[in-house]
Structure formats: structure tokens, C-alpha cells
Amino acid sequence: MPIENIQFKGDVEAHAETHLLHDQEALNHALHNSTKEGLPPISVSPLHGKFTSILVNLSGARNVLELGALGGYSAIQLARGLKGKGKVTSIEVDRHHRDVAIANLQHAGVKVPDEVEILLGAGLEVLPKLAAEIEEGKRERFDFVFIDADWPNQWNYFDWGVKLSNGPGSAIYIDNAVKNMFVEGVVGDHLKEDGLDVVAQIGADTRVEATVIQTVAAKSYDGIVLAVVK
């Protein structure tokens, strides 16, 4: 397919959303309510969200860790991927975002905190507490980790994701990875010697095997890192 066809990316997305996305009322409400409450419009796209839901389902995950709840849009999708057979534990640093997310989840019929629990606090403060709870037998390890939080801490979040994972076969997903490769000057026209190269760090990590998947959509050109614990 000629690269020139990228001009039709919006048409492709609209066609796919029309035919592949069903039962969207709760998700549309989450987006509209988040906007009304002043949250930034940075949730994953509808098709991207469905992709994460399918990945959770395919992986057979029962316990999902999310870093960055925002308005709960992704948490709804992750919970749907579990199909009532597990739990999402989400971390959100902003109290207002957390409250909006809880309201959106409840509107979607998601049981809080039984199906989705949102922990308030900075990720690097909450994650050690989760580790302690796991060691004490109060919490299970995570089969799937979805990272969509502040980029400067991506490697630390990834490292914690591996530490808290359920071992071989557990998946770790980093959103916006390609966009931030350009922001950090790892690739592109404006290279930087001190750019944060999370992909290189993950590539040197013998605990996992990983890939980068580039994506194009009406919203933007971006991509993800998907890793599996060995």
C-alpha cells in the first residue's frame, strides 16, 4: 500500500469505529464528563482503548496494574478485557482526576473498588507500598501492566512493573512511546545526547523481551512498547 494513503487515516479510523466499536455509551460519557470536569483531552483513542482491552483478554490476565488513571477511560477498557474475572489497580496522582475517574467508572457499571481500585498518590510512592502488600500476602502480583503516566519516570515505572509482575508471560505496555522518542531526541531531526531512551534501556534489560509498534491514527502518529517478562 502506498504511503500516500496515510492521508486517509481519518477515514479508516471512522470506518473502523463505526463497525467495530459497540456499547460505547459509557466510554463516550467518560470522555465528555472528563472534558466537562476540566481534565486534559489525552485519553487513548477509542480504537486504541479497544486494543488494550483485547490484549488483556488475550493474555488471560486476572490482575492489571495501571499507572495514570486520568478520567478512567482506559480503566473501563481494561476492566472490560478482564470480563469480570479479575481486578484493575490504578494509580492516579491528582485527587480531582481520581474523583472524576471513580464517577465515570460507576456510570459505566464498573464496581469500585472490587473491579477497579484507584489509589491516590505519586506512582513512585505507591508502587513500593504495593510491593510490600504483595510480600505480606495482601495483594496478588500483576499479569498485565499498562503505563500511561509522566514520561520522565517511564523507566522507573517499567522497572517496577517487572518487579511486581507475575513472572514469565506477564505483559508490560507503555503508551506514547514513539511520540516521546521524538520529544527526547532519540530519533528524528533534532537528536539529543542526553535524551531519555527508554527503548534502549528496555533492550538492555535481560528480564524481558520487547518490541515497538508504530501506530497511525486520525489523532496522531505514535506507538507503543510491548514487553513480556521472560
C-alpha atoms as a PDB file:
ATOM      1  CA  MET A   1       0.000   0.000   0.000  1.00  0.00           C
ATOM      2  CA  PRO A   2       1.490   3.377  -0.987  1.00  0.00           C
ATOM      3  CA  ILE A   3       2.469   5.599   1.932  1.00  0.00           C
ATOM      4  CA  GLU A   4       0.387   8.329   0.296  1.00  0.00           C
ATOM      5  CA  ASN A   5      -2.703   6.517   1.546  1.00  0.00           C
ATOM      6  CA  ILE A   6      -1.868   7.774   5.036  1.00  0.00           C
ATOM      7  CA  GLN A   7      -3.931  10.823   4.098  1.00  0.00           C
ATOM      8  CA  PHE A   8      -6.994   8.613   4.574  1.00  0.00           C
ATOM      9  CA  LYS A   9      -6.132   7.656   8.143  1.00  0.00           C
ATOM     10  CA  GLY A  10      -9.130   9.578   9.451  1.00  0.00           C
ATOM     11  CA  ASP A  11     -11.462   7.744   7.073  1.00  0.00           C
ATOM     12  CA  VAL A  12     -10.030   4.397   8.124  1.00  0.00           C
ATOM     13  CA  GLU A  13     -10.471   5.252  11.783  1.00  0.00           C
ATOM     14  CA  ALA A  14     -14.058   6.454  11.318  1.00  0.00           C
ATOM     15  CA  HIS A  15     -14.967   3.330   9.323  1.00  0.00           C
ATOM     16  CA  ALA A  16     -13.401   1.030  11.910  1.00  0.00           C
ATOM     17  CA  GLU A  17     -15.078   2.799  14.826  1.00  0.00           C
ATOM     18  CA  THR A  18     -18.456   2.570  13.105  1.00  0.00           C
ATOM     19  CA  HIS A  19     -18.229  -1.166  12.546  1.00  0.00           C
ATOM     20  CA  LEU A  20     -16.062  -2.471  15.366  1.00  0.00           C
ATOM     21  CA  LEU A  21     -16.949  -0.423  18.434  1.00  0.00           C
ATOM     22  CA  HIS A  22     -20.162  -1.293  20.200  1.00  0.00           C
ATOM     23  CA  ASP A  23     -21.602  -0.419  23.612  1.00  0.00           C
ATOM     24  CA  GLN A  24     -19.845   2.945  23.635  1.00  0.00           C
ATOM     25  CA  GLU A  25     -22.266   4.963  25.778  1.00  0.00           C
ATOM     26  CA  ALA A  26     -20.285   4.573  28.982  1.00  0.00           C
ATOM     27  CA  LEU A  27     -16.990   5.302  27.255  1.00  0.00           C
ATOM     28  CA  ASN A  28     -18.386   8.360  25.459  1.00  0.00           C
ATOM     29  CA  HIS A  29     -19.761   9.567  28.784  1.00  0.00           C
ATOM     30  CA  ALA A  30     -16.330   9.164  30.364  1.00  0.00           C
ATOM     31  CA  LEU A  31     -14.782  11.363  27.679  1.00  0.00           C
ATOM     32  CA  HIS A  32     -17.497  14.025  27.795  1.00  0.00           C
ATOM     33  CA  ASN A  33     -17.608  14.128  31.586  1.00  0.00           C
ATOM     34  CA  SER A  34     -13.818  14.325  31.820  1.00  0.00           C
ATOM     35  CA  THR A  35     -13.839  17.298  29.452  1.00  0.00           C
ATOM     36  CA  LYS A  36     -16.625  18.952  31.433  1.00  0.00           C
ATOM     37  CA  GLU A  37     -14.595  18.486  34.622  1.00  0.00           C
ATOM     38  CA  GLY A  38     -11.546  20.145  33.082  1.00  0.00           C
ATOM     39  CA  LEU A  39      -9.341  17.095  32.535  1.00  0.00           C
ATOM     40  CA  PRO A  40      -6.896  17.299  29.614  1.00  0.00           C
ATOM     41  CA  PRO A  41      -8.013  15.504  26.410  1.00  0.00           C
ATOM     42  CA  ILE A  42      -5.226  12.929  26.454  1.00  0.00           C
ATOM     43  CA  SER A  43      -7.112   9.655  26.866  1.00  0.00           C
ATOM     44  CA  VAL A  44      -6.318   6.874  24.438  1.00  0.00           C
ATOM     45  CA  SER A  45      -8.424   6.840  21.279  1.00  0.00           C
ATOM     46  CA  PRO A  46     -11.488   4.549  21.171  1.00  0.00           C
ATOM     47  CA  LEU A  47      -9.817   2.004  18.881  1.00  0.00           C
ATOM     48  CA  HIS A  48      -6.609   2.142  20.907  1.00  0.00           C
ATOM     49  CA  GLY A  49      -8.608   1.556  24.068  1.00  0.00           C
ATOM     50  CA  LYS A  50     -10.320  -1.437  22.482  1.00  0.00           C
ATOM     51  CA  PHE A  51      -6.877  -2.753  21.541  1.00  0.00           C
ATOM     52  CA  THR A  52      -5.770  -2.705  25.195  1.00  0.00           C
ATOM     53  CA  SER A  53      -8.984  -4.450  26.198  1.00  0.00           C
ATOM     54  CA  ILE A  54      -8.363  -7.200  23.650  1.00  0.00           C
ATOM     55  CA  LEU A  55      -4.726  -7.559  24.773  1.00  0.00           C
ATOM     56  CA  VAL A  56      -5.815  -8.065  28.376  1.00  0.00           C
ATOM     57  CA  ASN A  57      -8.324 -10.673  27.232  1.00  0.00           C
ATOM     58  CA  LEU A  58      -5.761 -12.464  25.031  1.00  0.00           C
ATOM     59  CA  SER A  59      -3.172 -12.508  27.803  1.00  0.00           C
ATOM     60  CA  GLY A  60      -5.536 -14.216  30.219  1.00  0.00           C
ATOM     61  CA  ALA A  61      -4.699 -11.598  32.838  1.00  0.00           C
ATOM     62  CA  ARG A  62      -6.528 -11.558  36.136  1.00  0.00           C
ATOM     63  CA  ASN A  63      -4.723  -8.676  37.827  1.00  0.00           C
ATOM     64  CA  VAL A  64      -3.956  -5.484  35.918  1.00  0.00           C
ATOM     65  CA  LEU A  65      -1.868  -2.535  37.117  1.00  0.00           C
ATOM     66  CA  GLU A  66      -2.442   0.868  35.511  1.00  0.00           C
ATOM     67  CA  LEU A  67      -0.243   3.920  36.039  1.00  0.00           C
ATOM     68  CA  GLY A  68      -2.184   7.080  35.228  1.00  0.00           C
ATOM     69  CA  ALA A  69      -5.953   6.809  35.662  1.00  0.00           C
ATOM     70  CA  LEU A  70      -6.882  10.285  34.373  1.00  0.00           C
ATOM     71  CA  GLY A  71     -10.676  10.097  33.882  1.00  0.00           C
ATOM     72  CA  GLY A  72     -10.963   6.322  33.991  1.00  0.00           C
ATOM     73  CA  TYR A  73     -11.403   5.790  30.242  1.00  0.00           C
ATOM     74  CA  SER A  74      -8.591   3.256  29.975  1.00  0.00           C
ATOM     75  CA  ALA A  75      -9.575   1.606  33.235  1.00  0.00           C
ATOM     76  CA  ILE A  76     -13.045   0.916  31.812  1.00  0.00           C
ATOM     77  CA  GLN A  77     -11.453  -0.708  28.769  1.00  0.00           C
ATOM     78  CA  LEU A  78      -9.017  -2.733  30.876  1.00  0.00           C
ATOM     79  CA  ALA A  79     -11.843  -3.906  33.134  1.00  0.00           C
ATOM     80  CA  ARG A  80     -13.842  -4.972  30.089  1.00  0.00           C
ATOM     81  CA  GLY A  81     -10.885  -7.046  28.960  1.00  0.00           C
ATOM     82  CA  LEU A  82     -10.983  -8.909  32.262  1.00  0.00           C
ATOM     83  CA  LYS A  83     -14.641  -9.807  31.659  1.00  0.00           C
ATOM     84  CA  GLY A  84     -15.486  -9.823  35.352  1.00  0.00           C
ATOM     85  CA  LYS A  85     -12.746 -12.320  36.199  1.00  0.00           C
ATOM     86  CA  GLY A  86     -10.171 -10.026  37.730  1.00  0.00           C
ATOM     87  CA  LYS A  87      -9.308  -6.582  39.010  1.00  0.00           C
ATOM     88  CA  VAL A  88      -7.636  -3.404  37.801  1.00  0.00           C
ATOM     89  CA  THR A  89      -5.499  -1.477  40.282  1.00  0.00           C
ATOM     90  CA  SER A  90      -4.911   2.061  39.010  1.00  0.00           C
ATOM     91  CA  ILE A  91      -2.649   4.777  40.397  1.00  0.00           C
ATOM     92  CA  GLU A  92      -3.511   8.474  39.999  1.00  0.00           C
ATOM     93  CA  VAL A  93      -1.577  11.398  41.464  1.00  0.00           C
ATOM     94  CA  ASP A  94      -4.299  14.043  41.057  1.00  0.00           C
ATOM     95  CA  ARG A  95      -7.216  13.906  43.525  1.00  0.00           C
ATOM     96  CA  HIS A  96      -9.692  15.589  41.159  1.00  0.00           C
ATOM     97  CA  HIS A  97      -8.777  13.228  38.331  1.00  0.00           C
ATOM     98  CA  ARG A  98      -9.237  10.292  40.710  1.00  0.00           C
ATOM     99  CA  ASP A  99     -12.699  11.513  41.752  1.00  0.00           C
ATOM    100  CA  VAL A 100     -13.788  12.019  38.123  1.00  0.00           C
ATOM    101  CA  ALA A 101     -12.474   8.575  37.212  1.00  0.00           C
ATOM    102  CA  ILE A 102     -14.457   6.943  40.004  1.00  0.00           C
ATOM    103  CA  ALA A 103     -17.639   8.710  38.867  1.00  0.00           C
ATOM    104  CA  ASN A 104     -17.042   7.616  35.259  1.00  0.00           C
ATOM    105  CA  LEU A 105     -16.370   4.038  36.291  1.00  0.00           C
ATOM    106  CA  GLN A 106     -19.517   3.894  38.372  1.00  0.00           C
ATOM    107  CA  HIS A 107     -21.547   5.314  35.482  1.00  0.00           C
ATOM    108  CA  ALA A 108     -20.121   2.513  33.328  1.00  0.00           C
ATOM    109  CA  GLY A 109     -21.358  -0.072  35.811  1.00  0.00           C
ATOM    110  CA  VAL A 110     -17.868  -0.962  36.983  1.00  0.00           C
ATOM    111  CA  LYS A 111     -17.723  -1.900  40.651  1.00  0.00           C
ATOM    112  CA  VAL A 112     -15.355   0.344  42.608  1.00  0.00           C
ATOM    113  CA  PRO A 113     -13.133  -0.840  44.273  1.00  0.00           C
ATOM    114  CA  ASP A 114     -13.963  -4.513  43.616  1.00  0.00           C
ATOM    115  CA  GLU A 115     -13.369  -4.433  39.849  1.00  0.00           C
ATOM    116  CA  VAL A 116     -11.286  -1.243  39.631  1.00  0.00           C
ATOM    117  CA  GLU A 117      -9.436   0.268  42.579  1.00  0.00           C
ATOM    118  CA  ILE A 118      -7.891   3.710  42.153  1.00  0.00           C
ATOM    119  CA  LEU A 119      -5.072   4.506  44.551  1.00  0.00           C
ATOM    120  CA  LEU A 120      -4.284   8.180  45.130  1.00  0.00           C
ATOM    121  CA  GLY A 121      -0.634   9.191  45.135  1.00  0.00           C
ATOM    122  CA  ALA A 122       2.538   9.579  43.120  1.00  0.00           C
ATOM    123  CA  GLY A 123       3.451   6.380  41.307  1.00  0.00           C
ATOM    124  CA  LEU A 124       6.922   6.062  42.797  1.00  0.00           C
ATOM    125  CA  GLU A 125       5.441   6.398  46.277  1.00  0.00           C
ATOM    126  CA  VAL A 126       2.557   3.977  45.766  1.00  0.00           C
ATOM    127  CA  LEU A 127       4.475   1.226  43.944  1.00  0.00           C
ATOM    128  CA  PRO A 128       6.737   0.326  46.899  1.00  0.00           C
ATOM    129  CA  LYS A 129       3.596   0.057  49.048  1.00  0.00           C
ATOM    130  CA  LEU A 130       2.100  -2.384  46.550  1.00  0.00           C
ATOM    131  CA  ALA A 131       5.318  -4.387  46.689  1.00  0.00           C
ATOM    132  CA  ALA A 132       5.088  -4.550  50.470  1.00  0.00           C
ATOM    133  CA  GLU A 133       1.467  -5.717  50.289  1.00  0.00           C
ATOM    134  CA  ILE A 134       2.463  -8.422  47.821  1.00  0.00           C
ATOM    135  CA  GLU A 135       5.250  -9.613  50.121  1.00  0.00           C
ATOM    136  CA  GLU A 136       2.793  -9.668  53.040  1.00  0.00           C
ATOM    137  CA  GLY A 137       0.318 -11.759  51.049  1.00  0.00           C
ATOM    138  CA  LYS A 138      -2.287  -8.980  50.997  1.00  0.00           C
ATOM    139  CA  ARG A 139      -2.228  -8.476  47.231  1.00  0.00           C
ATOM    140  CA  GLU A 140      -1.551 -10.651  44.189  1.00  0.00           C
ATOM    141  CA  ARG A 141       1.096  -9.944  41.577  1.00  0.00           C
ATOM    142  CA  PHE A 142       0.146  -8.353  38.261  1.00  0.00           C
ATOM    143  CA  ASP A 143      -0.256 -10.157  34.951  1.00  0.00           C
ATOM    144  CA  PHE A 144      -0.578  -7.006  32.825  1.00  0.00           C
ATOM    145  CA  VAL A 145       0.881  -3.529  33.444  1.00  0.00           C
ATOM    146  CA  PHE A 146      -0.415  -0.518  31.485  1.00  0.00           C
ATOM    147  CA  ILE A 147       1.820   2.570  31.764  1.00  0.00           C
ATOM    148  CA  ASP A 148       0.351   5.900  30.656  1.00  0.00           C
ATOM    149  CA  ALA A 149       1.885   8.416  33.046  1.00  0.00           C
ATOM    150  CA  ASP A 150       4.585  11.124  33.208  1.00  0.00           C
ATOM    151  CA  TRP A 151       7.348  10.297  30.757  1.00  0.00           C
ATOM    152  CA  PRO A 152      10.445  11.216  32.833  1.00  0.00           C
ATOM    153  CA  ASN A 153       9.621   8.323  35.164  1.00  0.00           C
ATOM    154  CA  GLN A 154       8.863   5.754  32.444  1.00  0.00           C
ATOM    155  CA  TRP A 155      11.916   3.606  33.095  1.00  0.00           C
ATOM    156  CA  ASN A 156      11.240   3.561  36.830  1.00  0.00           C
ATOM    157  CA  TYR A 157       7.624   2.598  36.187  1.00  0.00           C
ATOM    158  CA  PHE A 158       8.722  -0.126  33.797  1.00  0.00           C
ATOM    159  CA  ASP A 159      11.253  -1.458  36.299  1.00  0.00           C
ATOM    160  CA  TRP A 160       8.588  -1.603  38.987  1.00  0.00           C
ATOM    161  CA  GLY A 161       6.218  -3.264  36.549  1.00  0.00           C
ATOM    162  CA  VAL A 162       8.676  -6.099  36.062  1.00  0.00           C
ATOM    163  CA  LYS A 163       9.310  -6.378  39.808  1.00  0.00           C
ATOM    164  CA  LEU A 164       5.587  -6.549  40.569  1.00  0.00           C
ATOM    165  CA  SER A 165       4.758  -8.852  37.675  1.00  0.00           C
ATOM    166  CA  ASN A 166       3.515 -12.389  37.959  1.00  0.00           C
ATOM    167  CA  GLY A 167       6.633 -13.718  36.288  1.00  0.00           C
ATOM    168  CA  PRO A 168       7.115 -15.248  32.824  1.00  0.00           C
ATOM    169  CA  GLY A 169       4.365 -14.305  30.383  1.00  0.00           C
ATOM    170  CA  SER A 170       3.331 -11.134  32.191  1.00  0.00           C
ATOM    171  CA  ALA A 171       2.943  -8.179  29.829  1.00  0.00           C
ATOM    172  CA  ILE A 172       4.034  -4.555  30.199  1.00  0.00           C
ATOM    173  CA  TYR A 173       2.620  -1.931  27.867  1.00  0.00           C
ATOM    174  CA  ILE A 174       3.996   1.628  27.570  1.00  0.00           C
ATOM    175  CA  ASP A 175       1.781   4.129  25.768  1.00  0.00           C
ATOM    176  CA  ASN A 176       3.046   7.121  23.718  1.00  0.00           C
ATOM    177  CA  ALA A 177       6.476   5.550  23.367  1.00  0.00           C
ATOM    178  CA  VAL A 178       7.126   6.663  19.788  1.00  0.00           C
ATOM    179  CA  LYS A 179       5.977  10.245  20.360  1.00  0.00           C
ATOM    180  CA  ASN A 180       8.375  10.536  23.264  1.00  0.00           C
ATOM    181  CA  MET A 181      11.267   9.096  21.238  1.00  0.00           C
ATOM    182  CA  PHE A 182      10.964  12.251  19.136  1.00  0.00           C
ATOM    183  CA  VAL A 183      10.405  14.513  22.157  1.00  0.00           C
ATOM    184  CA  GLU A 184      13.529  13.130  23.819  1.00  0.00           C
ATOM    185  CA  GLY A 185      15.568  13.436  20.626  1.00  0.00           C
ATOM    186  CA  VAL A 186      16.301   9.728  20.452  1.00  0.00           C
ATOM    187  CA  VAL A 187      15.242   9.727  16.776  1.00  0.00           C
ATOM    188  CA  GLY A 188      14.320  12.413  14.269  1.00  0.00           C
ATOM    189  CA  ASP A 189      15.890  15.643  13.052  1.00  0.00           C
ATOM    190  CA  HIS A 190      16.840  17.031  16.464  1.00  0.00           C
ATOM    191  CA  LEU A 191      18.895  14.393  18.233  1.00  0.00           C
ATOM    192  CA  LYS A 192      19.988  14.939  21.832  1.00  0.00           C
ATOM    193  CA  GLU A 193      22.898  13.300  23.607  1.00  0.00           C
ATOM    194  CA  ASP A 194      21.051  13.292  26.935  1.00  0.00           C
ATOM    195  CA  GLY A 195      17.577  12.261  25.691  1.00  0.00           C
ATOM    196  CA  LEU A 196      15.738   9.662  27.767  1.00  0.00           C
ATOM    197  CA  ASP A 197      15.991   6.474  25.681  1.00  0.00           C
ATOM    198  CA  VAL A 198      13.579   4.088  27.366  1.00  0.00           C
ATOM    199  CA  VAL A 199      13.633   1.741  24.377  1.00  0.00           C
ATOM    200  CA  ALA A 200      17.398   1.300  24.729  1.00  0.00           C
ATOM    201  CA  GLN A 201      17.056   0.731  28.463  1.00  0.00           C
ATOM    202  CA  ILE A 202      14.408  -1.930  27.912  1.00  0.00           C
ATOM    203  CA  GLY A 203      16.529  -3.524  25.177  1.00  0.00           C
ATOM    204  CA  ALA A 204      19.362  -3.951  27.666  1.00  0.00           C
ATOM    205  CA  ASP A 205      17.057  -5.467  30.290  1.00  0.00           C
ATOM    206  CA  THR A 206      17.585  -9.238  30.320  1.00  0.00           C
ATOM    207  CA  ARG A 207      14.363  -9.770  32.298  1.00  0.00           C
ATOM    208  CA  VAL A 208      12.140  -9.097  29.277  1.00  0.00           C
ATOM    209  CA  GLU A 209      11.784  -9.314  25.533  1.00  0.00           C
ATOM    210  CA  ALA A 210      10.058  -6.389  23.851  1.00  0.00           C
ATOM    211  CA  THR A 211       9.031  -4.681  20.661  1.00  0.00           C
ATOM    212  CA  VAL A 212       7.928  -1.248  19.465  1.00  0.00           C
ATOM    213  CA  ILE A 213       4.755  -0.985  17.399  1.00  0.00           C
ATOM    214  CA  GLN A 214       4.265   2.237  15.463  1.00  0.00           C
ATOM    215  CA  THR A 215       0.686   3.425  15.078  1.00  0.00           C
ATOM    216  CA  VAL A 216      -1.030   5.985  12.906  1.00  0.00           C
ATOM    217  CA  ALA A 217      -4.499   7.350  13.520  1.00  0.00           C
ATOM    218  CA  ALA A 218      -6.560  10.447  12.939  1.00  0.00           C
ATOM    219  CA  LYS A 219      -5.328  11.836  16.237  1.00  0.00           C
ATOM    220  CA  SER A 220      -1.583  11.419  15.743  1.00  0.00           C
ATOM    221  CA  TYR A 221       1.407   9.328  14.734  1.00  0.00           C
ATOM    222  CA  ASP A 222       2.667   7.456  17.770  1.00  0.00           C
ATOM    223  CA  GLY A 223       3.385   3.962  19.002  1.00  0.00           C
ATOM    224  CA  ILE A 224       3.798   1.677  21.978  1.00  0.00           C
ATOM    225  CA  VAL A 225       6.312  -0.556  23.700  1.00  0.00           C
ATOM    226  CA  LEU A 226       5.041  -4.039  24.441  1.00  0.00           C
ATOM    227  CA  ALA A 227       7.212  -6.260  26.619  1.00  0.00           C
ATOM    228  CA  VAL A 228       6.837  -9.756  28.019  1.00  0.00           C
ATOM    229  CA  VAL A 229       8.606 -10.973  31.138  1.00  0.00           C
ATOM    230  CA  LYS A 230      10.847 -13.958  30.440  1.00  0.00           C
END
